[in-house]
Amino acid sequence: MLVFVGLIFVVIGLIHFYLWKRLARDPLRPGRARRVGAILAVVLALLVPATLIGTRTGHAEWLAWPGYLWLALMFYLLVTLAMLEIPRAAIRLWWRSSAKTKVLEPAGAGAPARTETPAAEEPDEKAGIERRLLLARGAAIFAGLTAAGITGYGVRTALGPPQLDRWSMPMAKLPRTMDGLRLAVVSDIHLGPLTGTRHVGRIVDLINSVQADIVCVVGDLVDGTVAELGRFATPLADIESRHGAYFVTGNHEYYSGYEPWIEEVTRLGLRPLRNERVEIDGLDLAGVNDLGGAPFDDGPDFAKALGDRDASRPVVLMAHQPAAARDAAPFGVDLQLSGHTHGGQMAPFNLLVKLDQPVVSGYGNVDGVPVYVTNGAGFWGPPVRVGAPPQVTVVELRAM
């Protein structure tokens, strides 16, 4: 753990050193402005771990807004500046080649071409410095405006109302009498210091607007204890559905005191499916604890939830992480509903999420298990979503 934490600090330091070099050292002449830039880089580098630790422990929640916004801005500054490295290098290479020796025309017929590099034609050092400053300043301004624009757009998207996503799933075993059964799926609400009191209320309003038959809350409801956030979760009691609302744990429940939260959601009218299943007419609805519960002796038990069941009945599995489908595959799951990925939350971060999860957003097939991953209705860390808007998904089951 100490090695991992140390590595994180080193990475944060290197990122801020790179940002200081490209945004302060390169575009500014030596002097006060450059020194201020260096001090600011150190302060911002310290702000990142202070925010992550302070908000996690509850001792410095006031850091959440400045710290997480800087984390998002830092990410997009890094991405933009990294993309500019190639054109930047190409321009500087062109400048150098244009300052090299000139090829002179032959003096007469048959005379060979000559090259020469007279001292008077050496590149002017002062002009070279000015050109480098101009290039560095242009890159810094472009990166700053681009990162600020993307971050601003992402904040507006993340803090706005979730979108309604609809998806139809043909299911061979589904009885004709259940054709058109609608499941409202929501994940990653992430109640926390930045969500406010309206966050859950408008999610519940959207769920109720679709008149779902079943509501599935697939984990990561909270980022804090019941004592801190319980009052924000009270709108969950207003969920309306024909066959009830069900809940499975996500990895963040285990960081926030999962047992009190299980009691709280039960009090609010949601039924936790803790490695168990229920029969709803001609359908089995199963739920497993999150993979992140294993270190807390509360991990998933697929055999308990899915074993010894009538295989002629269709089964829908609620599992927070898409990767759980690999363990569910031997049990003949007809559909798995998951979240966890946030759809990547901040593109192009979705490319990294693909390294950890088999499906990032929408429909996929994992070892023969159909998996649908909803983007989640909230956010974790930075209140920013780019390329993955918050959503509530309505899955309509169709008989074949």
Protein backbone atom coordinates (compact mmCIF):
# COMPACT_ATOMS: atom_id res chain seq x y z
CA MET A 1 0.00 0.00 0.00
CA LEU A 2 2.84 2.39 0.84
CA VAL A 3 4.49 1.65 -2.50
CA PHE A 4 1.18 2.26 -4.31
CA VAL A 5 0.58 5.56 -2.50
CA GLY A 6 4.16 6.62 -3.18
CA LEU A 7 3.73 5.82 -6.88
CA ILE A 8 0.55 7.93 -6.98
CA PHE A 9 2.42 10.89 -5.48
CA VAL A 10 5.22 10.49 -8.02
CA VAL A 11 2.73 10.42 -10.93
CA ILE A 12 0.92 13.50 -9.62
CA GLY A 13 4.25 15.29 -9.24
CA LEU A 14 5.38 14.42 -12.76
CA ILE A 15 2.07 15.56 -14.27
CA HIS A 16 2.30 18.93 -12.54
CA PHE A 17 5.94 19.31 -13.51
CA TYR A 18 4.94 18.75 -17.15
CA LEU A 19 2.06 21.24 -16.87
CA TRP A 20 4.37 23.81 -15.26
CA LYS A 21 6.91 23.36 -18.04
CA ARG A 22 4.38 23.75 -20.86
CA LEU A 23 2.18 26.43 -19.24
CA ALA A 24 4.71 28.51 -17.30
CA ARG A 25 8.36 27.80 -18.01
CA ASP A 26 8.18 27.57 -21.81
CA PRO A 27 5.81 30.47 -22.59
CA LEU A 28 7.11 32.91 -19.95
CA ARG A 29 10.42 34.73 -19.70
CA PRO A 30 12.43 34.36 -16.49
CA GLY A 31 10.97 36.56 -13.79
CA ARG A 32 8.10 36.95 -11.33
CA ALA A 33 5.41 35.41 -13.54
CA ARG A 34 7.41 32.21 -13.99
CA ARG A 35 8.08 31.98 -10.24
CA VAL A 36 4.37 32.44 -9.52
CA GLY A 37 3.64 29.64 -12.01
CA ALA A 38 6.05 27.34 -10.18
CA ILE A 39 4.44 28.08 -6.81
CA LEU A 40 0.97 27.53 -8.27
CA ALA A 41 2.04 24.19 -9.74
CA VAL A 42 3.26 23.01 -6.32
CA VAL A 43 0.04 24.15 -4.60
CA LEU A 44 -2.14 22.42 -7.18
CA ALA A 45 -0.05 19.25 -6.98
CA LEU A 46 -0.67 19.15 -3.22
CA LEU A 47 -4.37 19.95 -3.70
CA VAL A 48 -5.02 16.67 -5.55
CA PRO A 49 -4.06 14.22 -2.76
CA ALA A 50 -5.44 16.60 -0.12
CA THR A 51 -8.81 16.50 -1.86
CA LEU A 52 -8.84 12.72 -2.34
CA ILE A 53 -7.87 12.10 1.29
CA GLY A 54 -9.87 14.94 2.85
CA THR A 55 -13.16 14.12 1.14
CA ARG A 56 -12.73 10.38 1.71
CA THR A 57 -12.17 10.81 5.45
CA GLY A 58 -14.76 13.58 5.82
CA HIS A 59 -12.22 15.97 7.39
CA ALA A 60 -11.97 18.45 4.50
CA GLU A 61 -15.11 18.24 2.39
CA TRP A 62 -14.77 21.95 1.58
CA LEU A 63 -11.93 20.91 -0.73
CA ALA A 64 -14.32 18.92 -2.94
CA TRP A 65 -15.30 21.67 -5.36
CA PRO A 66 -11.89 23.29 -6.00
CA GLY A 67 -10.01 20.01 -5.77
CA TYR A 68 -12.19 17.92 -8.06
CA LEU A 69 -12.63 20.72 -10.58
CA TRP A 70 -8.86 21.09 -10.78
CA LEU A 71 -8.55 17.31 -11.20
CA ALA A 72 -10.80 17.48 -14.27
CA LEU A 73 -9.08 20.56 -15.67
CA MET A 74 -5.68 18.95 -15.05
CA PHE A 75 -6.78 15.85 -16.96
CA TYR A 76 -7.91 17.80 -20.02
CA LEU A 77 -4.85 20.08 -19.94
CA LEU A 78 -2.68 16.95 -19.92
CA VAL A 79 -4.61 15.34 -22.79
CA THR A 80 -4.62 18.51 -24.92
CA LEU A 81 -0.96 19.33 -24.37
CA ALA A 82 0.04 15.74 -25.09
CA MET A 83 -1.85 15.87 -28.40
CA LEU A 84 -0.05 19.12 -29.27
CA GLU A 85 3.39 17.56 -28.82
CA ILE A 86 3.44 16.11 -32.35
CA PRO A 87 2.53 19.32 -34.26
CA ARG A 88 4.80 21.26 -31.90
CA ALA A 89 7.73 18.98 -32.71
CA ALA A 90 6.92 19.12 -36.44
CA ILE A 91 6.95 22.95 -36.47
CA ARG A 92 10.25 23.13 -34.63
CA LEU A 93 11.76 20.55 -36.97
CA TRP A 94 10.60 22.61 -39.96
CA TRP A 95 12.15 25.74 -38.46
CA ARG A 96 15.48 23.95 -38.03
CA SER A 97 15.49 22.52 -41.52
CA SER A 98 14.69 25.91 -43.05
CA ALA A 99 17.72 27.40 -41.28
CA LYS A 100 20.16 24.81 -42.62
CA THR A 101 22.48 25.14 -45.54
CA LYS A 102 21.04 26.35 -48.80
CA VAL A 103 21.53 24.58 -52.07
CA LEU A 104 22.94 27.02 -54.61
CA GLU A 105 22.23 26.91 -58.34
CA PRO A 106 25.10 25.60 -60.53
CA ALA A 107 27.40 28.32 -61.86
CA GLY A 108 27.25 26.91 -65.38
CA ALA A 109 26.36 23.92 -67.49
CA GLY A 110 27.71 20.71 -66.03
CA ALA A 111 28.87 22.42 -62.86
CA PRO A 112 27.89 20.55 -59.69
CA ALA A 113 25.56 22.09 -57.12
CA ARG A 114 27.32 23.50 -54.08
CA THR A 115 26.27 23.87 -50.48
CA GLU A 116 27.72 26.37 -48.12
CA THR A 117 27.05 27.58 -44.62
CA PRO A 118 28.48 31.08 -44.34
CA ALA A 119 28.64 32.50 -40.81
CA ALA A 120 26.41 35.40 -41.79
CA GLU A 121 23.58 33.00 -42.56
CA GLU A 122 23.55 31.31 -39.10
CA PRO A 123 20.04 31.54 -37.53
CA ASP A 124 19.66 34.61 -35.44
CA GLU A 125 19.54 33.49 -31.81
CA LYS A 126 17.15 36.22 -30.72
CA ALA A 127 14.72 35.46 -33.53
CA GLY A 128 14.82 31.79 -32.60
CA ILE A 129 13.94 32.56 -28.98
CA GLU A 130 11.00 34.73 -30.06
CA ARG A 131 9.68 32.02 -32.33
CA ARG A 132 9.88 29.41 -29.53
CA LEU A 133 8.08 31.77 -27.16
CA LEU A 134 5.39 32.40 -29.75
CA LEU A 135 4.90 28.67 -30.30
CA ALA A 136 4.85 27.91 -26.56
CA ARG A 137 2.37 30.70 -25.82
CA GLY A 138 0.08 29.65 -28.63
CA ALA A 139 0.08 26.06 -27.39
CA ALA A 140 -0.52 27.14 -23.78
CA ILE A 141 -3.43 29.42 -24.71
CA PHE A 142 -5.00 26.79 -26.95
CA ALA A 143 -4.65 24.09 -24.28
CA GLY A 144 -6.03 26.34 -21.56
CA LEU A 145 -9.08 27.42 -23.55
CA THR A 146 -9.76 23.88 -24.78
CA ALA A 147 -9.46 22.30 -21.34
CA ALA A 148 -11.59 25.00 -19.72
CA GLY A 149 -14.27 24.66 -22.40
CA ILE A 150 -14.43 20.86 -22.14
CA THR A 151 -14.49 20.98 -18.35
CA GLY A 152 -17.25 23.60 -18.32
CA TYR A 153 -19.34 21.51 -20.71
CA GLY A 154 -18.69 18.44 -18.56
CA VAL A 155 -19.81 20.19 -15.38
CA ARG A 156 -23.05 21.30 -17.01
CA THR A 157 -23.69 17.74 -18.24
CA ALA A 158 -22.86 16.05 -14.93
CA LEU A 159 -24.98 18.40 -12.83
CA GLY A 160 -27.89 18.34 -15.25
CA PRO A 161 -30.79 15.89 -15.15
CA PRO A 162 -30.12 12.31 -16.26
CA GLN A 163 -31.22 11.23 -19.71
CA LEU A 164 -33.64 8.39 -20.35
CA ASP A 165 -32.12 5.55 -22.35
CA ARG A 166 -34.35 2.80 -23.77
CA TRP A 167 -33.20 -0.64 -24.87
CA SER A 168 -35.14 -3.73 -25.95
CA MET A 169 -33.91 -7.24 -25.10
CA PRO A 170 -35.33 -10.34 -26.85
CA MET A 171 -35.46 -13.25 -24.40
CA ALA A 172 -36.23 -16.76 -25.61
CA LYS A 173 -37.45 -18.11 -22.27
CA LEU A 174 -39.67 -15.16 -21.43
CA PRO A 175 -43.36 -16.15 -21.24
CA ARG A 176 -45.67 -14.42 -23.73
CA THR A 177 -47.64 -13.08 -20.78
CA MET A 178 -44.58 -11.08 -19.70
CA ASP A 179 -43.77 -9.65 -23.12
CA GLY A 180 -42.97 -5.94 -22.78
CA LEU A 181 -41.91 -6.15 -19.10
CA ARG A 182 -40.03 -2.95 -18.29
CA LEU A 183 -37.10 -2.70 -15.90
CA ALA A 184 -35.88 0.76 -14.86
CA VAL A 185 -32.15 0.43 -14.25
CA VAL A 186 -30.13 3.03 -12.35
CA SER A 187 -26.63 2.83 -10.96
CA ASP A 188 -23.83 4.98 -9.58
CA ILE A 189 -26.00 7.67 -8.03
CA HIS A 190 -23.00 8.48 -5.80
CA LEU A 191 -24.59 10.56 -3.09
CA GLY A 192 -21.75 12.70 -1.81
CA PRO A 193 -20.54 16.19 -0.88
CA LEU A 194 -21.18 17.61 -4.36
CA THR A 195 -24.57 16.13 -5.25
CA GLY A 196 -26.93 18.31 -3.25
CA THR A 197 -30.47 17.66 -2.06
CA ARG A 198 -32.18 17.51 -5.48
CA HIS A 199 -29.98 14.80 -6.95
CA VAL A 200 -31.93 11.70 -5.88
CA GLY A 201 -35.30 13.46 -6.16
CA ARG A 202 -35.05 14.11 -9.88
CA ILE A 203 -33.72 10.59 -10.50
CA VAL A 204 -36.76 9.16 -8.72
CA ASP A 205 -39.05 11.48 -10.69
CA LEU A 206 -37.56 10.18 -13.95
CA ILE A 207 -37.92 6.55 -12.83
CA ASN A 208 -41.55 7.10 -11.88
CA SER A 209 -42.30 8.80 -15.20
CA VAL A 210 -41.72 5.54 -17.11
CA GLN A 211 -44.10 3.47 -14.93
CA ALA A 212 -41.66 0.57 -14.72
CA ASP A 213 -42.63 -2.94 -13.70
CA ILE A 214 -39.38 -3.47 -11.77
CA VAL A 215 -36.76 -0.97 -10.55
CA CYS A 216 -33.15 -2.17 -10.33
CA VAL A 217 -30.62 -0.08 -8.38
CA VAL A 218 -27.31 -1.71 -9.25
CA GLY A 219 -24.87 -0.31 -6.74
CA ASP A 220 -22.70 2.69 -5.83
CA LEU A 221 -25.56 4.58 -4.28
CA VAL A 222 -23.36 6.50 -1.85
CA ASP A 223 -20.00 8.03 -1.07
CA GLY A 224 -20.36 8.54 2.65
CA THR A 225 -22.03 7.22 5.77
CA VAL A 226 -25.71 7.08 6.59
CA ALA A 227 -25.14 9.74 9.25
CA GLU A 228 -23.65 12.08 6.65
CA LEU A 229 -25.90 11.39 3.67
CA GLY A 230 -28.98 9.55 4.87
CA ARG A 231 -31.21 12.62 4.52
CA PHE A 232 -30.28 12.91 0.82
CA ALA A 233 -31.45 9.35 0.14
CA THR A 234 -35.01 9.81 1.48
CA PRO A 235 -36.60 10.36 -2.00
CA LEU A 236 -35.89 6.68 -2.71
CA ALA A 237 -38.96 5.94 -0.60
CA ASP A 238 -41.07 7.51 -3.36
CA ILE A 239 -40.06 5.01 -6.08
CA GLU A 240 -43.09 3.52 -7.77
CA SER A 241 -43.11 0.19 -9.62
CA ARG A 242 -45.48 -2.69 -10.17
CA HIS A 243 -43.23 -5.43 -8.75
CA GLY A 244 -41.04 -3.43 -6.41
CA ALA A 245 -37.56 -1.89 -6.29
CA TYR A 246 -34.39 -3.95 -5.71
CA PHE A 247 -30.83 -3.06 -4.71
CA VAL A 248 -27.38 -4.65 -4.88
CA THR A 249 -24.19 -3.31 -3.40
CA GLY A 250 -21.46 -1.61 -5.39
CA ASN A 251 -17.83 -1.23 -4.41
CA HIS A 252 -18.44 2.22 -2.90
CA GLU A 253 -20.95 0.86 -0.39
CA TYR A 254 -18.05 -1.01 1.18
CA TYR A 255 -16.10 2.23 1.58
CA SER A 256 -19.11 3.90 3.24
CA GLY A 257 -20.35 1.34 5.77
CA TYR A 258 -22.35 -1.19 3.77
CA GLU A 259 -24.32 -2.73 6.62
CA PRO A 260 -25.97 0.54 7.81
CA TRP A 261 -26.75 1.39 4.18
CA ILE A 262 -28.39 -1.99 3.59
CA GLU A 263 -30.58 -1.31 6.61
CA GLU A 264 -31.32 2.21 5.35
CA VAL A 265 -32.36 1.24 1.82
CA THR A 266 -34.53 -1.51 3.30
CA ARG A 267 -36.22 1.09 5.51
CA LEU A 268 -36.80 3.24 2.42
CA GLY A 269 -38.60 0.40 0.65
CA LEU A 270 -35.90 -1.14 -1.55
CA ARG A 271 -35.24 -4.85 -1.22
CA PRO A 272 -31.54 -5.75 -1.14
CA LEU A 273 -30.71 -8.89 -3.11
CA ARG A 274 -27.72 -10.26 -1.25
CA ASN A 275 -26.64 -13.30 -3.23
CA GLU A 276 -30.28 -14.30 -3.64
CA ARG A 277 -33.12 -14.29 -6.13
CA VAL A 278 -36.84 -13.69 -6.20
CA GLU A 279 -39.52 -15.08 -8.49
CA ILE A 280 -41.60 -12.46 -10.27
CA ASP A 281 -44.33 -14.23 -12.22
CA GLY A 282 -42.44 -16.16 -14.92
CA LEU A 283 -39.10 -14.41 -14.32
CA ASP A 284 -36.27 -14.90 -11.82
CA LEU A 285 -34.56 -11.72 -10.63
CA ALA A 286 -31.24 -12.40 -8.93
CA GLY A 287 -28.66 -10.16 -7.31
CA VAL A 288 -25.10 -10.67 -6.11
CA ASN A 289 -22.93 -8.62 -3.80
CA ASP A 290 -20.23 -6.62 -5.53
CA LEU A 291 -16.82 -8.10 -6.27
CA GLY A 292 -15.39 -5.36 -4.04
CA GLY A 293 -17.11 -6.93 -1.04
CA ALA A 294 -14.71 -9.89 -0.94
CA PRO A 295 -12.14 -8.18 1.36
CA PHE A 296 -15.04 -7.45 3.76
CA ASP A 297 -16.18 -11.10 3.76
CA ASP A 298 -19.26 -10.00 1.84
CA GLY A 299 -18.37 -10.91 -1.73
CA PRO A 300 -20.57 -12.40 -4.44
CA ASP A 301 -21.84 -15.96 -4.22
CA PHE A 302 -23.11 -16.91 -7.66
CA ALA A 303 -23.98 -20.47 -6.70
CA LYS A 304 -26.19 -19.26 -3.87
CA ALA A 305 -27.94 -16.70 -6.08
CA LEU A 306 -28.23 -18.76 -9.25
CA GLY A 307 -27.72 -22.40 -8.40
CA ASP A 308 -30.50 -24.95 -7.90
CA ARG A 309 -32.98 -22.97 -9.99
CA ASP A 310 -35.45 -24.01 -12.68
CA ALA A 311 -33.37 -23.53 -15.85
CA SER A 312 -36.51 -23.24 -17.96
CA ARG A 313 -37.26 -19.87 -16.36
CA PRO A 314 -35.45 -16.76 -17.61
CA VAL A 315 -33.16 -15.07 -15.08
CA VAL A 316 -32.02 -11.46 -14.95
CA LEU A 317 -28.96 -10.85 -12.78
CA MET A 318 -28.20 -7.58 -11.01
CA ALA A 319 -24.42 -7.25 -10.57
CA HIS A 320 -22.65 -3.94 -10.10
CA GLN A 321 -19.56 -4.68 -12.21
CA PRO A 322 -19.80 -5.97 -15.80
CA ALA A 323 -16.82 -8.23 -15.07
CA ALA A 324 -19.07 -10.31 -12.80
CA ALA A 325 -20.55 -11.87 -15.96
CA ARG A 326 -17.46 -14.09 -16.26
CA ASP A 327 -18.40 -15.81 -12.99
CA ALA A 328 -22.11 -15.81 -13.85
CA ALA A 329 -21.64 -17.48 -17.25
CA PRO A 330 -21.78 -21.12 -16.02
CA PHE A 331 -25.24 -20.50 -14.52
CA GLY A 332 -27.02 -19.69 -17.80
CA VAL A 333 -27.85 -16.04 -17.08
CA ASP A 334 -30.20 -14.58 -19.70
CA LEU A 335 -29.31 -10.94 -18.99
CA GLN A 336 -27.00 -9.13 -16.58
CA LEU A 337 -27.66 -5.51 -15.58
CA SER A 338 -24.61 -3.54 -14.43
CA GLY A 339 -23.14 -0.10 -13.90
CA HIS A 340 -19.78 0.79 -12.29
CA THR A 341 -18.04 2.15 -15.40
CA HIS A 342 -19.92 5.49 -15.64
CA GLY A 343 -19.56 4.98 -19.39
CA GLY A 344 -16.01 6.23 -18.87
CA GLN A 345 -17.38 9.49 -17.38
CA MET A 346 -14.65 11.66 -18.92
CA ALA A 347 -13.61 10.74 -22.46
CA PRO A 348 -11.04 9.55 -23.41
CA PHE A 349 -10.85 7.88 -19.98
CA ASN A 350 -13.28 5.30 -21.33
CA LEU A 351 -10.33 3.77 -23.21
CA LEU A 352 -8.66 2.98 -19.88
CA VAL A 353 -11.88 1.60 -18.40
CA LYS A 354 -11.89 -0.96 -21.24
CA LEU A 355 -8.71 -2.44 -19.78
CA ASP A 356 -10.61 -3.32 -16.57
CA GLN A 357 -14.19 -4.04 -17.66
CA PRO A 358 -15.43 -6.09 -20.64
CA VAL A 359 -18.27 -3.65 -21.41
CA VAL A 360 -18.04 0.11 -20.81
CA SER A 361 -21.47 1.31 -21.90
CA GLY A 362 -24.56 -0.21 -23.47
CA TYR A 363 -24.90 -3.79 -24.66
CA GLY A 364 -22.19 -6.41 -24.83
CA ASN A 365 -21.69 -10.15 -24.60
CA VAL A 366 -19.33 -11.57 -21.98
CA ASP A 367 -18.59 -15.29 -22.16
CA GLY A 368 -22.05 -15.87 -23.59
CA VAL A 369 -23.86 -13.66 -21.07
CA PRO A 370 -25.77 -10.69 -22.51
CA VAL A 371 -24.74 -7.66 -20.43
CA TYR A 372 -26.25 -4.19 -20.42
CA VAL A 373 -24.25 -1.44 -18.72
CA THR A 374 -25.94 1.83 -17.84
CA ASN A 375 -23.82 5.01 -17.61
CA GLY A 376 -24.99 5.77 -14.09
CA ALA A 377 -27.02 8.73 -12.89
CA GLY A 378 -24.32 10.49 -10.88
CA PHE A 379 -20.57 11.02 -10.95
CA TRP A 380 -17.56 10.12 -8.88
CA GLY A 381 -14.80 12.59 -8.11
CA PRO A 382 -14.93 15.50 -10.56
CA PRO A 383 -18.48 16.75 -11.19
CA VAL A 384 -17.74 16.34 -14.89
CA ARG A 385 -19.13 14.06 -17.60
CA VAL A 386 -17.84 14.20 -21.16
CA GLY A 387 -19.06 11.72 -23.76
CA ALA A 388 -21.07 9.76 -21.19
CA PRO A 389 -24.13 11.69 -19.99
CA PRO A 390 -25.87 10.58 -16.80
CA GLN A 391 -28.75 8.26 -17.51
CA VAL A 392 -31.51 6.04 -16.29
CA THR A 393 -32.09 3.04 -18.56
CA VAL A 394 -35.39 1.35 -19.34
CA VAL A 395 -34.85 -2.25 -20.45
CA GLU A 396 -37.87 -3.76 -22.15
CA LEU A 397 -37.94 -7.56 -22.25
CA ARG A 398 -39.51 -9.08 -25.37
CA ALA A 399 -40.75 -12.63 -25.77
CA MET A 400 -39.43 -14.44 -28.84
